[in-house]
Protein backbone atom coordinates (compact mmCIF):
# COMPACT_ATOMS: atom_id res chain seq x y z
CA MET A 1 32.21 82.45 22.88
CA SER A 2 32.53 83.82 19.60
CA GLU A 3 36.06 85.31 17.88
CA ASN A 4 34.10 89.11 17.95
CA HIS A 5 34.03 88.49 21.90
CA ILE A 6 36.87 90.76 23.93
CA VAL A 7 37.79 91.42 27.47
CA ILE A 8 39.73 94.24 28.12
CA ALA A 9 40.71 95.13 31.46
CA ILE A 10 42.52 98.21 33.18
CA ASP A 11 43.44 98.32 36.34
CA GLY A 12 45.41 101.30 38.72
CA PRO A 13 46.00 103.31 41.57
CA ALA A 14 42.90 105.62 42.67
CA GLY A 15 43.17 108.52 40.70
CA ALA A 16 44.87 107.60 37.49
CA GLY A 17 41.15 107.93 35.55
CA LYS A 18 40.44 104.69 34.94
CA SER A 19 37.05 104.54 35.48
CA THR A 20 36.30 107.70 33.10
CA VAL A 21 39.22 106.00 30.53
CA ALA A 22 37.22 102.88 30.85
CA LYS A 23 33.88 104.78 30.33
CA LYS A 24 34.93 106.70 27.03
CA LEU A 25 36.65 103.43 25.80
CA ALA A 26 34.08 101.47 26.39
CA ASP A 27 31.54 103.59 24.20
CA ARG A 28 34.18 103.76 21.47
CA LEU A 29 33.97 100.22 21.19
CA CYS A 30 30.14 100.04 21.87
CA ILE A 31 30.30 97.22 24.49
CA PHE A 32 29.85 96.80 28.11
CA TYR A 33 31.45 98.92 30.98
CA LEU A 34 32.50 97.09 33.90
CA ASP A 35 33.10 99.12 37.12
CA THR A 36 34.05 96.56 39.31
CA GLY A 37 34.88 99.13 42.11
CA ALA A 38 31.10 100.20 41.95
CA MET A 39 30.55 97.13 43.14
CA TYR A 40 32.58 96.75 46.43
CA ARG A 41 31.60 100.55 46.88
CA ALA A 42 27.99 99.71 46.57
CA LEU A 43 28.23 96.46 48.99
CA THR A 44 29.98 98.61 51.58
CA LEU A 45 27.18 100.99 51.50
CA LYS A 46 24.78 98.83 52.36
CA ALA A 47 27.00 97.25 55.44
CA LEU A 48 27.31 100.87 56.55
CA GLU A 49 23.56 101.26 56.79
CA LYS A 50 22.97 98.24 58.45
CA HIS A 51 25.52 98.87 60.85
CA LEU A 52 27.74 95.80 60.20
CA ASP A 53 31.08 95.10 62.48
CA LEU A 54 33.74 96.05 58.78
CA ALA A 55 35.80 93.64 60.35
CA ASP A 56 33.43 90.78 60.76
CA GLU A 57 34.22 89.19 57.33
CA ASP A 58 31.57 86.16 57.88
CA GLN A 59 29.09 88.98 58.48
CA LEU A 60 30.30 90.94 55.46
CA THR A 61 30.60 87.88 53.33
CA GLU A 62 26.71 86.59 54.18
CA MET A 63 25.43 89.88 52.98
CA THR A 64 27.42 89.93 49.73
CA LYS A 65 25.66 86.35 49.27
CA ASN A 66 21.87 88.00 49.54
CA THR A 67 22.93 91.14 47.87
CA LEU A 68 22.11 92.37 44.23
CA ILE A 69 23.97 93.99 42.10
CA VAL A 70 22.87 95.41 38.67
CA PHE A 71 24.28 98.31 36.30
CA GLU A 72 21.81 99.59 33.72
CA LYS A 73 22.47 101.93 31.23
CA LYS A 74 20.77 105.04 31.21
CA ASP A 75 21.03 107.82 28.59
CA SER A 76 25.34 108.04 28.78
CA ASN A 77 25.20 107.47 31.88
CA LEU A 78 25.22 104.34 33.59
CA GLN A 79 23.67 103.41 37.25
CA VAL A 80 24.12 101.09 39.93
CA LEU A 81 21.02 99.30 41.65
CA LEU A 82 22.33 97.88 44.76
CA ASP A 83 19.04 95.67 45.98
CA GLY A 84 17.09 97.57 43.19
CA ARG A 85 18.04 101.13 44.63
CA ASP A 86 19.41 103.44 42.90
CA VAL A 87 23.29 104.38 44.44
CA THR A 88 25.33 105.92 41.85
CA GLU A 89 25.78 108.85 43.77
CA ASP A 90 26.03 107.36 47.57
CA ILE A 91 28.46 105.16 46.65
CA ARG A 92 30.73 107.80 45.78
CA SER A 93 30.69 109.68 49.57
CA ILE A 94 33.67 109.96 51.43
CA GLU A 95 32.39 107.60 54.08
CA VAL A 96 32.06 104.91 51.84
CA THR A 97 35.42 106.01 49.95
CA ASN A 98 37.34 105.56 53.26
CA ASN A 99 35.80 101.99 54.55
CA ALA A 100 35.32 100.25 50.90
CA PHE A 101 38.74 98.22 51.65
CA TYR A 102 37.15 96.22 54.72
CA LEU A 103 35.24 94.42 51.63
CA ALA A 104 37.76 94.41 49.44
CA ARG A 105 40.23 92.91 51.62
CA THR A 106 37.86 89.92 52.70
CA LYS A 107 38.22 86.64 50.66
CA GLY A 108 34.69 85.56 50.70
CA VAL A 109 33.30 89.02 49.21
CA ARG A 110 36.38 88.92 46.67
CA GLU A 111 35.50 85.37 45.47
CA GLU A 112 31.58 85.93 45.36
CA LEU A 113 31.81 89.37 43.06
CA VAL A 114 34.79 87.95 41.10
CA SER A 115 32.54 85.28 40.02
CA SER A 116 29.94 87.51 39.30
CA GLN A 117 31.94 89.78 37.19
CA GLN A 118 33.68 87.08 35.42
CA GLU A 119 29.82 85.82 34.28
CA ILE A 120 29.37 89.22 32.89
CA GLY A 121 32.37 89.02 31.07
CA LYS A 122 31.88 85.83 29.98
CA LYS A 123 28.38 87.16 28.38
CA GLN A 124 29.36 90.15 26.86
CA SER A 125 32.39 91.78 25.37
CA ILE A 126 33.26 94.36 27.88
CA VAL A 127 35.88 96.98 29.11
CA ALA A 128 36.82 96.31 32.83
CA GLU A 129 38.59 98.53 35.12
CA GLY A 130 39.66 98.26 39.24
CA ARG A 131 42.59 97.26 40.88
CA ASP A 132 42.78 93.04 40.40
CA THR A 133 40.81 92.77 37.23
CA THR A 134 44.09 91.79 34.64
CA THR A 135 45.72 89.74 37.75
CA VAL A 136 42.71 87.90 39.14
CA VAL A 137 39.48 88.63 37.35
CA PHE A 138 40.26 88.43 34.05
CA PRO A 139 43.99 87.12 33.68
CA HIS A 140 42.89 86.10 30.36
CA ALA A 141 42.10 89.61 29.20
CA THR A 142 42.07 90.53 25.28
CA LYS A 143 44.00 92.76 26.46
CA LYS A 144 45.73 94.64 29.52
CA PHE A 145 46.74 98.00 30.64
CA PHE A 146 47.43 98.96 33.95
CA LEU A 147 46.83 103.15 33.82
CA ASP A 148 49.13 105.23 36.44
CA ALA A 149 49.84 109.04 37.14
CA LYS A 150 51.93 110.81 39.18
CA VAL A 151 50.61 111.21 42.25
CA GLU A 152 50.28 114.68 42.44
CA GLU A 153 48.40 114.71 39.57
CA ARG A 154 46.17 111.95 41.21
CA LEU A 155 45.51 114.46 44.25
CA GLN A 156 44.59 116.97 41.50
CA ARG A 157 41.83 115.01 39.76
CA ARG A 158 39.82 114.00 42.79
CA TYR A 159 40.22 117.23 44.54
CA ASP A 160 38.84 118.71 41.07
CA GLU A 161 36.23 115.94 41.09
CA LEU A 162 35.01 116.79 44.90
CA GLN A 163 35.28 120.34 44.18
CA GLU A 164 32.41 119.85 41.01
CA LYS A 165 30.25 118.12 43.56
CA GLY A 166 30.35 120.94 45.91
CA LYS A 167 32.22 119.13 48.31
CA SER A 168 34.34 121.18 50.61
CA VAL A 169 37.69 119.31 51.37
CA GLU A 170 41.61 120.25 52.34
CA LYS A 171 44.31 118.78 49.68
CA GLU A 172 46.76 118.01 52.66
CA GLU A 173 44.06 115.54 53.94
CA LEU A 174 43.03 114.20 50.39
CA LEU A 175 46.38 112.83 49.64
CA LYS A 176 46.82 111.31 53.00
CA ASP A 177 43.71 109.33 51.79
CA ILE A 178 45.02 108.55 48.64
CA LYS A 179 48.47 107.14 50.01
CA ASP A 180 46.42 105.72 52.50
CA ARG A 181 44.19 103.89 49.93
CA ASP A 182 47.67 102.98 47.61
CA ASN A 183 49.19 101.52 50.28
CA LYS A 184 45.72 99.22 51.53
CA ASP A 185 45.42 98.04 47.88
CA SER A 186 48.53 97.24 46.67
CA SER A 187 49.37 95.17 50.43
CA ARG A 188 46.30 93.24 51.18
CA GLU A 189 46.52 89.96 51.22
CA VAL A 190 43.40 89.09 48.28
CA GLY A 191 43.30 90.51 45.37
CA PRO A 192 46.30 93.43 46.06
CA LEU A 193 46.71 95.93 43.32
CA LYS A 194 49.64 94.98 41.33
CA LYS A 195 50.98 95.03 37.57
CA ALA A 196 50.38 92.38 35.26
CA GLU A 197 53.18 90.87 33.76
CA ASP A 198 51.81 91.26 30.61
CA ALA A 199 49.98 94.52 31.31
CA ILE A 200 50.70 97.74 28.63
CA ILE A 201 51.21 100.68 31.10
CA ILE A 202 50.10 104.19 30.31
CA ASP A 203 51.18 107.13 32.26
CA SER A 204 48.56 109.58 31.91
CA SER A 205 50.24 112.39 34.11
CA SER A 206 50.14 114.38 30.70
CA MET A 207 47.70 113.56 29.01
CA SER A 208 43.52 113.72 28.51
CA ALA A 209 40.99 111.04 29.39
CA ASP A 210 40.64 111.30 25.48
CA GLU A 211 44.14 110.95 24.62
CA VAL A 212 44.71 107.98 26.68
CA VAL A 213 41.93 106.49 25.00
CA GLU A 214 43.15 107.20 21.58
CA GLN A 215 46.92 105.28 23.28
CA LEU A 216 44.18 102.13 23.84
CA LEU A 217 42.76 101.86 20.71
CA ILE A 218 46.24 101.95 19.03
CA HIS A 219 47.20 99.05 20.91
CA ILE A 220 43.51 97.28 20.74
CA ASN A 221 43.79 97.41 16.91
CA GLU A 222 46.87 96.15 16.75
CA THR A 223 45.84 93.01 18.24
CA ASN A 224 43.25 92.72 15.53
CA LYS A 225 45.34 93.04 12.94
């Protein structure tokens, strides 16, 4: 690994803006963007399509071992390929979102995906984001960030995102889903969401994605001085 090889890890709850910020940061640094959550979503989609028992950890682990997930850059967008099929949009459905925790809590699934994610990080400089990126996947990352935001702001961002995609949803129901995901992410036994002791905490509540990226770059550049 060369001295120019860097791994930037970003964790945080749903709706904090991790994906948008990580993509922009990767573009600014001209390095690869790794969306670890998309990998769990892709597996969730496959499990749902195969009508697997989402409570059967052996089935989910075996499926994971026989699944190929690849990220491809097309124009300025990142495509997620599941066994060769573009599922970039499909993995963002409400059904996938509400069931992804089954895959995320399964030890065998996490072991397989964490190994794959670490291999990606060994081969190239990356900006990786997720729930346990700073604590489990890349505990020795060049720089670690925990991106947070007030729940009201996270709710509005998610609501706006769904509205833009033409999906109708009640705010009360969406708030319940966000709080439910927070609870599941932080309380699961395997790879729970938590703040790494050496992570820099960024509250994005009153900041635009570009403003957050500028803050991250300041901290990253301080490390490189």
